[in-house]
Amino acid sequence: MRVELVQRAANVLFDVPDDVHEEIITLIEAVAQDRGMRASDLAAAFGEWCWLVYTRHGEVIEVLDVGCAR
């Protein structure tokens, strides 16, 4: 599974505290491992404080947005 981040999501990912960064990475890993999810439309994943919006195209997950409530 390949993960691609759009520039806006990458900017957020690299501009957050370490604990938040770790939660976002955990969400991305969980989405990448979920083989049952075959959404070609927008989908979202939520953690304790963070979320990400993504779409899946075959074996590629495109992370469109990430955010954090902290």
Protein backbone atom coordinates (compact mmCIF):
# COMPACT_ATOMS: atom_id res chain seq x y z
CA MET A 1 0.00 0.00 0.00
CA ARG A 2 1.40 3.39 -0.99
CA VAL A 3 0.41 6.56 0.86
CA GLU A 4 0.54 9.99 -0.76
CA LEU A 5 -0.05 13.26 1.07
CA VAL A 6 -1.15 16.40 -0.69
CA GLN A 7 1.06 19.36 0.17
CA ARG A 8 -1.45 20.92 2.59
CA ALA A 9 -1.65 17.70 4.63
CA ALA A 10 2.13 17.31 4.61
CA ASN A 11 2.55 20.88 5.87
CA VAL A 12 0.25 20.20 8.82
CA LEU A 13 1.94 16.90 9.58
CA PHE A 14 5.34 18.53 9.89
CA ASP A 15 4.10 21.50 11.90
CA VAL A 16 2.52 19.75 14.90
CA PRO A 17 3.92 18.58 18.26
CA ASP A 18 5.44 15.09 18.41
CA ASP A 19 2.51 13.45 20.25
CA VAL A 20 0.04 14.79 17.70
CA HIS A 21 2.34 13.79 14.84
CA GLU A 22 2.40 10.24 16.24
CA GLU A 23 -1.41 10.09 16.41
CA ILE A 24 -1.74 11.22 12.78
CA ILE A 25 0.82 8.64 11.64
CA THR A 26 -1.11 5.96 13.58
CA LEU A 27 -4.31 6.95 11.75
CA ILE A 28 -2.55 6.77 8.38
CA GLU A 29 -1.16 3.32 9.23
CA ALA A 30 -4.60 2.09 10.32
CA VAL A 31 -6.19 3.29 7.10
CA ALA A 32 -3.43 1.69 5.03
CA GLN A 33 -3.92 -1.66 6.77
CA ASP A 34 -7.72 -1.69 6.39
CA ARG A 35 -8.01 -3.86 3.29
CA GLY A 36 -11.80 -4.01 3.62
CA MET A 37 -12.18 -0.31 2.91
CA ARG A 38 -12.50 0.29 -0.82
CA ALA A 39 -13.75 3.87 -0.87
CA SER A 40 -13.07 5.79 -4.02
CA ASP A 41 -14.96 8.77 -2.62
CA LEU A 42 -13.90 10.80 0.40
CA ALA A 43 -13.50 8.96 3.68
CA ALA A 44 -12.34 10.06 7.11
CA ALA A 45 -10.59 8.52 10.10
CA PHE A 46 -10.68 9.92 13.60
CA GLY A 47 -8.38 9.50 16.58
CA GLU A 48 -8.61 10.93 20.07
CA TRP A 49 -7.54 14.42 18.98
CA CYS A 50 -6.81 14.18 15.27
CA TRP A 51 -8.46 13.28 12.00
CA LEU A 52 -7.60 12.75 8.39
CA VAL A 53 -9.57 12.90 5.17
CA TYR A 54 -8.49 10.55 2.43
CA THR A 55 -9.48 8.66 -0.67
CA ARG A 56 -8.30 5.31 -1.94
CA HIS A 57 -7.41 4.50 -5.54
CA GLY A 58 -6.56 0.81 -5.77
CA GLU A 59 -3.34 0.36 -3.81
CA VAL A 60 -2.83 4.10 -3.23
CA ILE A 61 -4.22 6.08 -0.31
CA GLU A 62 -4.24 9.81 -0.93
CA VAL A 63 -4.37 11.84 2.29
CA LEU A 64 -6.11 15.08 1.42
CA ASP A 65 -6.28 16.78 4.79
CA VAL A 66 -5.21 16.24 8.39
CA GLY A 67 -6.09 18.18 11.47
CA CYS A 68 -5.96 18.25 15.21
CA ALA A 69 -8.21 19.69 17.90
CA ARG A 70 -5.32 20.59 20.21
